[in-house]
Amino acid sequence: MPDDSYRFAKGETVTSSTGVPAKIVRPLDFLVISDHAETFGLAIAIREKHPALSNTEWGRKLLELAAPDTPEAWAQVYVYWAQAFIGEDGPPEMDLSFQDDMWRGATESAEHHNSPGAFTAMIGYEWTSGPAGNNLHRVVVYRGDKEEADQAIPFSALESSDPEDLWNWMEQYEAKTGGKLLAIPHNGNLSNGLMFDDLTLTSRQPLDEDYAKRRQKWEPIYEITQMKGDGESHPDLSPDDEFAGYFTWDMGSFGPQRKTPDMLPKGYVRPALKRGMLYERDLGTNPFKIGVVGGTDTHTGLSTTDESNFFGKISAVEPTSDPIRFTEVVTGRLTPDDPTDDQTHEEALAAGLAAVWARENTREAIWDAMKRREVFATTGTRIRVRVTSQSRNRK
């Protein structure tokens, strides 16, 4: 539950989904819990047997799969959920009215655990765009509180998988509520060249000045590393950099199309930063002027970057008395005859942390630091950045 995630982040001992006591090695200063907007709060709705789930065949199947309430059962729920969004036929009929209750429950939890100056519980969600199975996910982060956030249910990829439409919704949200939003893209390494493409997603037109200005406004930072591989560079892009192969996931995402060499420059941050400067020269604005942060992207509710304390991507691989070795079966099932599609969980990274340059531990100060791009990412060591200034007398 969200309450457990916040308690874990603050250093309290919680019970994992497999019944194992879990405690973070070192507490976090802030946390954004970002459930998928497309079925926001689904796991909680299943546990609570929300009546909306009984209204469709899809919902009833989820309730049936989860009934044993074991890690294996919830793994099947995860697979069934994922397949609903990556199949060729598109999502099945769903009654998503449970999301209203789930969103307000999530914001209530954030409000309860938010303690300005001590621990910041930020409100957010994940927009899970995946055209053709390629990863264009964004985490939307709110500057404000529950009263503001509850005025609109999150915009989802079921409404549109085009980032420009997400930006439109964000603009409308700000106009309606007076609040502030930003979006953090992640896993361009699994986007098959779409994350930093030189064409717009839907119209397939070259990037222009308006696009550049909007992307820079709404997406000032990027999640450069998380459990699904590192997104800074690739050995083929940086052959002289011995660290370019750090946790490389050299595959596609959830789609049948495999990664090709021409996709690499448009899927990793380092070449995107270079291309962004060329866009600034030609358009006057750099669409890829971004700061970078790290994140976890785990679905266990246990946000930790310590490999010795990593509870895995989903509950099926959390530590138990009978450990399970998990393979990403979603990808494998799409093209079962191609063994290169399989990504074993032992190749997962315990992920990264987002560090911000903020004067106080509050929602406003942390969000403002993200907006200013005064951020960095780390995969473990909590580096302290010291900034000094030196004035000189000049004649």
Protein backbone atom coordinates (compact mmCIF):
# COMPACT_ATOMS: atom_id res chain seq x y z
CA MET A 1 0.00 0.00 0.00
CA PRO A 2 1.20 3.61 -0.46
CA ASP A 3 1.43 4.01 3.32
CA ASP A 4 3.89 1.10 3.44
CA SER A 5 6.03 2.66 0.70
CA TYR A 6 6.29 5.96 2.56
CA ARG A 7 7.03 4.21 5.85
CA PHE A 8 9.77 2.15 4.21
CA ALA A 9 11.31 5.26 2.61
CA LYS A 10 11.37 6.96 6.03
CA GLY A 11 13.29 4.07 7.56
CA GLU A 12 10.55 2.06 9.25
CA THR A 13 10.40 -1.72 9.03
CA VAL A 14 7.54 -2.97 6.84
CA THR A 15 6.41 -6.39 5.68
CA SER A 16 7.06 -7.14 2.02
CA SER A 17 4.50 -8.73 -0.29
CA THR A 18 6.10 -12.10 0.45
CA GLY A 19 5.96 -11.66 4.21
CA VAL A 20 9.62 -10.76 4.68
CA PRO A 21 10.53 -7.89 7.04
CA ALA A 22 12.05 -5.08 4.97
CA LYS A 23 13.97 -1.99 6.03
CA ILE A 24 15.89 0.47 3.90
CA VAL A 25 19.61 0.75 4.65
CA ARG A 26 19.43 4.55 4.73
CA PRO A 27 16.17 6.56 4.69
CA LEU A 28 15.27 8.83 1.80
CA ASP A 29 14.59 12.57 2.00
CA PHE A 30 11.68 12.49 -0.44
CA LEU A 31 9.62 10.05 -2.48
CA VAL A 32 7.27 10.21 -5.45
CA ILE A 33 4.95 7.21 -5.68
CA SER A 34 3.93 7.07 -9.34
CA ASP A 35 1.40 4.39 -10.16
CA HIS A 36 0.36 3.88 -13.78
CA ALA A 37 -2.39 6.28 -14.82
CA GLU A 38 -3.92 3.75 -17.20
CA THR A 39 -5.23 1.63 -14.35
CA PHE A 40 -4.33 3.82 -11.41
CA GLY A 41 -4.54 1.99 -8.09
CA LEU A 42 -5.48 -1.32 -9.72
CA ALA A 43 -3.66 -3.53 -7.22
CA ILE A 44 -5.41 -1.81 -4.33
CA ALA A 45 -8.75 -1.99 -6.14
CA ILE A 46 -8.22 -5.74 -6.58
CA ARG A 47 -7.36 -6.22 -2.91
CA GLU A 48 -10.42 -4.22 -1.90
CA LYS A 49 -12.56 -6.03 -4.51
CA HIS A 50 -13.80 -2.71 -5.86
CA PRO A 51 -17.26 -3.26 -7.43
CA ALA A 52 -16.18 -1.63 -10.71
CA LEU A 53 -13.93 -4.61 -11.44
CA SER A 54 -16.88 -6.98 -11.56
CA ASN A 55 -18.47 -5.03 -14.40
CA THR A 56 -16.19 -6.38 -17.16
CA GLU A 57 -14.66 -9.70 -18.15
CA TRP A 58 -11.18 -8.15 -17.83
CA GLY A 59 -11.82 -7.05 -14.26
CA ARG A 60 -13.34 -10.37 -13.24
CA LYS A 61 -10.31 -12.20 -14.64
CA LEU A 62 -7.98 -10.02 -12.57
CA LEU A 63 -9.96 -10.81 -9.42
CA GLU A 64 -9.78 -14.51 -10.26
CA LEU A 65 -6.01 -14.47 -10.88
CA ALA A 66 -5.32 -12.59 -7.65
CA ALA A 67 -7.57 -14.77 -5.49
CA PRO A 68 -4.78 -17.07 -4.18
CA ASP A 69 -2.97 -13.92 -2.96
CA THR A 70 0.48 -15.40 -3.51
CA PRO A 71 3.53 -13.87 -5.21
CA GLU A 72 2.99 -16.22 -8.14
CA ALA A 73 -0.64 -15.14 -8.42
CA TRP A 74 0.28 -11.47 -8.43
CA ALA A 75 2.93 -12.16 -11.08
CA GLN A 76 0.14 -13.51 -13.27
CA VAL A 77 -1.91 -10.40 -12.54
CA TYR A 78 1.05 -8.30 -13.68
CA VAL A 79 1.44 -10.30 -16.90
CA TYR A 80 -2.29 -10.20 -17.67
CA TRP A 81 -2.35 -6.47 -17.01
CA ALA A 82 0.68 -5.82 -19.25
CA GLN A 83 -0.66 -7.91 -22.10
CA ALA A 84 -3.82 -5.82 -22.14
CA PHE A 85 -1.77 -2.82 -23.23
CA ILE A 86 0.74 -4.37 -25.61
CA GLY A 87 -1.48 -6.72 -27.60
CA GLU A 88 -2.28 -6.03 -31.24
CA ASP A 89 -6.01 -5.76 -30.53
CA GLY A 90 -5.59 -2.92 -28.06
CA PRO A 91 -6.93 -2.71 -24.50
CA PRO A 92 -10.06 -4.75 -23.71
CA GLU A 93 -13.25 -3.29 -22.30
CA MET A 94 -12.51 -1.85 -18.87
CA ASP A 95 -14.53 -0.09 -16.20
CA LEU A 96 -11.98 2.31 -14.74
CA SER A 97 -14.35 4.18 -12.45
CA PHE A 98 -12.39 2.77 -9.50
CA GLN A 99 -9.62 5.23 -10.36
CA ASP A 100 -11.45 8.18 -8.80
CA ASP A 101 -11.39 6.49 -5.40
CA MET A 102 -7.82 5.22 -5.86
CA TRP A 103 -6.43 8.64 -6.86
CA ARG A 104 -7.96 10.36 -3.87
CA GLY A 105 -6.68 7.60 -1.63
CA ALA A 106 -3.15 8.05 -3.02
CA THR A 107 -3.16 11.81 -2.53
CA GLU A 108 -4.52 11.34 0.98
CA SER A 109 -1.63 9.01 1.78
CA ALA A 110 0.88 11.53 0.40
CA GLU A 111 -0.69 14.27 2.48
CA HIS A 112 -0.55 12.15 5.61
CA HIS A 113 3.15 11.34 5.25
CA ASN A 114 4.33 14.73 4.02
CA SER A 115 6.35 16.41 6.78
CA PRO A 116 7.95 19.66 5.52
CA GLY A 117 11.56 19.89 6.60
CA ALA A 118 11.81 16.22 7.54
CA PHE A 119 10.33 14.06 4.76
CA THR A 120 8.60 15.10 1.55
CA ALA A 121 5.86 12.94 0.04
CA MET A 122 5.32 14.33 -3.44
CA ILE A 123 2.21 13.63 -5.50
CA GLY A 124 2.73 12.03 -8.89
CA TYR A 125 1.77 9.34 -11.38
CA GLU A 126 3.16 7.57 -14.45
CA TRP A 127 1.86 8.16 -17.96
CA THR A 128 2.60 4.81 -19.60
CA SER A 129 2.87 5.51 -23.31
CA GLY A 130 4.09 2.50 -25.28
CA PRO A 131 3.38 2.84 -29.02
CA ALA A 132 4.11 -0.53 -30.65
CA GLY A 133 5.50 -1.62 -27.28
CA ASN A 134 8.24 1.03 -27.29
CA ASN A 135 8.84 2.81 -24.00
CA LEU A 136 7.91 6.51 -23.88
CA HIS A 137 6.86 6.56 -20.23
CA ARG A 138 6.79 9.80 -18.22
CA VAL A 139 6.40 10.38 -14.49
CA VAL A 140 4.30 13.49 -13.84
CA VAL A 141 5.26 15.32 -10.65
CA TYR A 142 3.01 17.83 -8.85
CA ARG A 143 4.28 20.86 -6.98
CA GLY A 144 1.08 21.26 -5.00
CA ASP A 145 -1.06 19.40 -2.48
CA LYS A 146 -4.05 17.06 -2.38
CA GLU A 147 -6.67 19.79 -2.65
CA GLU A 148 -5.14 20.92 -5.91
CA ALA A 149 -4.34 17.47 -7.36
CA ASP A 150 -7.82 16.07 -6.70
CA GLN A 151 -9.33 18.55 -9.15
CA ALA A 152 -8.37 16.32 -12.10
CA ILE A 153 -7.88 12.57 -12.55
CA PRO A 154 -4.51 11.82 -14.20
CA PHE A 155 -4.26 11.85 -17.98
CA SER A 156 -3.44 8.39 -19.29
CA ALA A 157 -2.02 6.76 -22.42
CA LEU A 158 -5.47 5.26 -23.00
CA GLU A 159 -6.46 8.78 -24.02
CA SER A 160 -3.31 9.38 -26.07
CA SER A 161 0.18 7.92 -26.35
CA ASP A 162 1.60 11.13 -27.84
CA PRO A 163 3.72 13.23 -25.44
CA GLU A 164 2.41 16.42 -27.06
CA ASP A 165 -1.10 15.52 -25.89
CA LEU A 166 0.24 14.96 -22.37
CA TRP A 167 1.75 18.45 -22.50
CA ASN A 168 -1.63 19.82 -23.62
CA TRP A 169 -3.28 18.20 -20.60
CA MET A 170 -0.61 19.56 -18.27
CA GLU A 171 -1.17 23.05 -19.62
CA GLN A 172 -4.93 22.69 -19.11
CA TYR A 173 -4.38 21.38 -15.58
CA GLU A 174 -2.26 24.37 -14.64
CA ALA A 175 -4.82 26.78 -16.10
CA LYS A 176 -7.64 25.07 -14.17
CA THR A 177 -5.96 24.65 -10.79
CA GLY A 178 -3.22 27.27 -10.68
CA GLY A 179 -0.82 24.43 -9.86
CA LYS A 180 2.46 23.40 -11.45
CA LEU A 181 3.49 20.15 -13.16
CA LEU A 182 6.55 18.69 -14.83
CA ALA A 183 7.14 15.37 -16.56
CA ILE A 184 10.18 13.09 -16.26
CA PRO A 185 10.70 10.73 -19.24
CA HIS A 186 12.50 7.47 -18.65
CA ASN A 187 13.90 4.38 -20.36
CA GLY A 188 14.71 5.90 -23.71
CA ASN A 189 17.08 2.94 -23.98
CA LEU A 190 13.94 0.83 -24.50
CA SER A 191 12.18 3.26 -26.85
CA ASN A 192 13.71 1.92 -30.08
CA GLY A 193 14.83 5.40 -31.01
CA LEU A 194 11.58 7.25 -30.27
CA MET A 195 12.54 9.01 -27.03
CA PHE A 196 14.90 11.52 -28.68
CA ASP A 197 13.61 11.16 -32.23
CA ASP A 198 14.09 13.89 -34.85
CA LEU A 199 10.44 13.52 -35.89
CA THR A 200 7.25 14.10 -33.92
CA LEU A 201 5.48 10.93 -32.83
CA THR A 202 2.10 11.22 -34.54
CA SER A 203 2.52 13.55 -37.51
CA ARG A 204 6.11 12.41 -38.19
CA GLN A 205 7.19 15.96 -38.92
CA PRO A 206 10.65 17.41 -38.22
CA LEU A 207 10.96 19.08 -34.82
CA ASP A 208 10.25 22.80 -34.99
CA GLU A 209 10.70 25.74 -32.63
CA ASP A 210 7.27 25.34 -31.04
CA TYR A 211 7.93 21.67 -30.25
CA ALA A 212 11.35 22.53 -28.84
CA LYS A 213 9.94 25.22 -26.56
CA ARG A 214 7.13 23.00 -25.27
CA ARG A 215 9.35 20.02 -24.58
CA GLN A 216 11.88 22.18 -22.74
CA LYS A 217 9.08 23.70 -20.64
CA TRP A 218 7.32 20.49 -19.61
CA GLU A 219 10.26 18.07 -19.48
CA PRO A 220 13.24 19.84 -17.88
CA ILE A 221 14.78 16.64 -16.50
CA TYR A 222 15.20 13.02 -17.55
CA GLU A 223 15.57 9.77 -15.62
CA ILE A 224 18.95 8.55 -16.86
CA THR A 225 19.10 5.30 -14.89
CA GLN A 226 16.71 2.85 -13.23
CA MET A 227 16.19 -0.90 -12.84
CA LYS A 228 15.50 -1.46 -16.58
CA GLY A 229 19.01 -0.55 -17.63
CA ASP A 230 21.20 2.51 -17.79
CA GLY A 231 20.25 5.18 -20.32
CA GLU A 232 23.34 7.40 -20.53
CA SER A 233 25.19 5.78 -23.40
CA HIS A 234 25.91 2.52 -25.21
CA PRO A 235 29.23 0.82 -26.02
CA ASP A 236 28.63 1.34 -29.75
CA LEU A 237 28.08 5.07 -29.16
CA SER A 238 30.98 5.57 -26.75
CA PRO A 239 33.56 2.89 -27.63
CA ASP A 240 36.33 4.60 -25.66
CA ASP A 241 34.29 4.80 -22.45
CA GLU A 242 34.73 1.70 -20.31
CA PHE A 243 31.59 2.59 -18.34
CA ALA A 244 29.32 2.95 -21.40
CA GLY A 245 28.27 -0.67 -21.02
CA TYR A 246 27.08 -0.25 -17.44
CA PHE A 247 23.91 -2.37 -17.13
CA THR A 248 23.04 -2.08 -20.82
CA TRP A 249 19.71 -3.65 -21.78
CA ASP A 250 20.42 -4.17 -25.47
CA MET A 251 16.89 -5.04 -26.45
CA GLY A 252 13.58 -3.40 -27.25
CA SER A 253 10.89 -2.86 -24.67
CA PHE A 254 7.62 -4.81 -24.82
CA GLY A 255 7.17 -4.77 -28.59
CA PRO A 256 8.20 -7.34 -31.23
CA GLN A 257 10.55 -4.89 -32.97
CA ARG A 258 14.16 -5.41 -31.95
CA LYS A 259 16.69 -2.64 -31.54
CA THR A 260 18.83 -1.74 -34.56
CA PRO A 261 22.06 0.33 -34.61
CA ASP A 262 20.38 3.38 -36.16
CA MET A 263 18.05 3.63 -33.14
CA LEU A 264 20.84 4.01 -30.57
CA PRO A 265 21.62 7.76 -31.01
CA LYS A 266 17.94 8.55 -30.43
CA GLY A 267 17.56 6.40 -27.34
CA TYR A 268 20.43 7.50 -25.10
CA VAL A 269 21.05 10.76 -23.25
CA ARG A 270 24.65 11.50 -24.22
CA PRO A 271 24.05 11.78 -28.00
CA ALA A 272 20.73 13.54 -27.35
CA LEU A 273 22.53 16.30 -25.44
CA LYS A 274 24.85 16.83 -28.40
CA ARG A 275 21.99 16.88 -30.91
CA GLY A 276 20.08 19.28 -28.67
CA MET A 277 22.80 21.90 -29.06
CA LEU A 278 22.49 21.64 -32.84
CA TYR A 279 18.74 22.15 -32.54
CA GLU A 280 19.36 25.26 -30.46
CA ARG A 281 21.59 26.61 -33.20
CA ASP A 282 18.99 25.95 -35.89
CA LEU A 283 15.71 26.57 -34.00
CA GLY A 284 16.75 28.95 -31.25
CA THR A 285 15.61 26.49 -28.57
CA ASN A 286 17.08 23.19 -27.40
CA PRO A 287 14.36 20.51 -26.98
CA PHE A 288 16.84 18.21 -25.22
CA LYS A 289 18.21 20.66 -22.68
CA ILE A 290 17.76 18.39 -19.69
CA GLY A 291 19.02 17.71 -16.21
CA VAL A 292 19.25 14.07 -15.16
CA VAL A 293 17.99 12.11 -12.16
CA GLY A 294 17.88 8.47 -11.15
CA GLY A 295 14.89 6.39 -10.10
CA THR A 296 13.82 2.86 -9.19
CA ASP A 297 10.76 1.95 -11.33
CA THR A 298 10.09 -1.03 -9.11
CA HIS A 299 6.57 -2.31 -8.49
CA THR A 300 7.11 -3.65 -5.00
CA GLY A 301 6.69 -0.35 -3.17
CA LEU A 302 10.21 -0.76 -1.75
CA SER A 303 12.45 1.99 -3.14
CA THR A 304 16.07 1.06 -2.54
CA THR A 305 19.25 1.35 -4.58
CA ASP A 306 21.33 -1.01 -2.46
CA GLU A 307 21.98 -4.26 -4.38
CA SER A 308 22.11 -6.23 -1.12
CA ASN A 309 18.71 -4.85 -0.16
CA PHE A 310 17.01 -4.94 -3.59
CA PHE A 311 13.57 -6.55 -3.52
CA GLY A 312 13.22 -6.81 -7.29
CA LYS A 313 10.89 -5.41 -9.95
CA ILE A 314 7.66 -7.11 -8.88
CA SER A 315 6.44 -9.24 -5.99
CA ALA A 316 7.20 -12.48 -7.85
CA VAL A 317 10.92 -11.92 -7.38
CA GLU A 318 10.92 -10.53 -3.85
CA PRO A 319 12.98 -12.56 -1.34
CA THR A 320 11.14 -15.53 0.16
CA SER A 321 12.08 -18.80 1.83
CA ASP A 322 11.84 -20.28 -1.70
CA PRO A 323 13.41 -17.70 -4.05
CA ILE A 324 12.01 -17.47 -7.55
CA ARG A 325 14.18 -16.78 -10.56
CA PHE A 326 12.04 -14.59 -12.78
CA THR A 327 12.26 -13.97 -16.53
CA GLU A 328 10.45 -11.07 -18.21
CA VAL A 329 7.82 -13.38 -19.69
CA VAL A 330 5.87 -10.55 -21.30
CA THR A 331 8.63 -9.87 -23.82
CA GLY A 332 9.40 -13.53 -24.32
CA ARG A 333 5.81 -14.45 -25.11
CA LEU A 334 5.55 -11.90 -27.89
CA THR A 335 8.30 -13.59 -29.87
CA PRO A 336 8.77 -16.98 -28.19
CA ASP A 337 11.19 -18.30 -30.83
CA ASP A 338 13.75 -15.54 -30.26
CA PRO A 339 15.79 -16.19 -27.08
CA THR A 340 17.42 -12.74 -27.35
CA ASP A 341 14.12 -11.25 -26.19
CA ASP A 342 14.47 -12.71 -22.71
CA GLN A 343 15.77 -10.46 -19.94
CA THR A 344 16.54 -12.38 -16.78
CA HIS A 345 15.93 -10.62 -13.53
CA GLU A 346 19.52 -11.13 -12.46
CA GLU A 347 20.32 -8.48 -15.07
CA ALA A 348 18.11 -5.93 -13.30
CA LEU A 349 19.78 -2.97 -11.65
CA ALA A 350 18.83 -1.93 -8.13
CA ALA A 351 18.41 1.45 -9.80
CA GLY A 352 19.27 5.01 -8.91
CA LEU A 353 18.49 8.05 -6.83
CA ALA A 354 17.35 11.54 -7.73
CA ALA A 355 19.42 14.25 -6.04
CA VAL A 356 18.30 17.88 -5.98
CA TRP A 357 19.94 21.16 -5.00
CA ALA A 358 17.24 22.53 -2.68
CA ARG A 359 17.43 24.87 0.29
CA GLU A 360 14.75 22.98 2.21
CA ASN A 361 13.07 19.61 2.20
CA THR A 362 9.63 20.64 0.95
CA ARG A 363 7.50 19.88 -2.07
CA GLU A 364 7.92 23.38 -3.42
CA ALA A 365 11.70 23.54 -2.99
CA ILE A 366 12.31 20.08 -4.46
CA TRP A 367 9.99 20.67 -7.41
CA ASP A 368 11.59 24.06 -8.09
CA ALA A 369 15.04 22.44 -8.11
CA MET A 370 13.82 19.93 -10.68
CA LYS A 371 12.35 22.71 -12.78
CA ARG A 372 15.69 24.59 -12.65
CA ARG A 373 17.51 21.37 -13.61
CA GLU A 374 19.63 21.64 -10.47
CA VAL A 375 19.69 17.88 -10.10
CA PHE A 376 21.90 14.85 -10.63
CA ALA A 377 21.66 11.06 -10.62
CA THR A 378 23.56 8.44 -8.70
CA THR A 379 23.37 4.64 -8.60
CA GLY A 380 24.50 4.36 -5.04
CA THR A 381 26.93 6.74 -3.42
CA ARG A 382 25.09 9.75 -2.04
CA ILE A 383 27.46 12.40 -3.31
CA ARG A 384 27.33 15.78 -1.61
CA VAL A 385 27.89 18.62 -4.03
CA ARG A 386 29.71 21.62 -2.64
CA VAL A 387 29.45 24.86 -4.57
CA THR A 388 31.72 27.78 -3.73
CA SER A 389 32.12 31.21 -5.19
CA GLN A 390 35.20 33.39 -5.20
CA SER A 391 35.09 37.11 -5.78
CA ARG A 392 38.07 38.85 -7.25
CA ASN A 393 39.07 42.48 -7.20
CA ARG A 394 39.51 43.70 -10.70
CA LYS A 395 40.98 46.98 -11.77
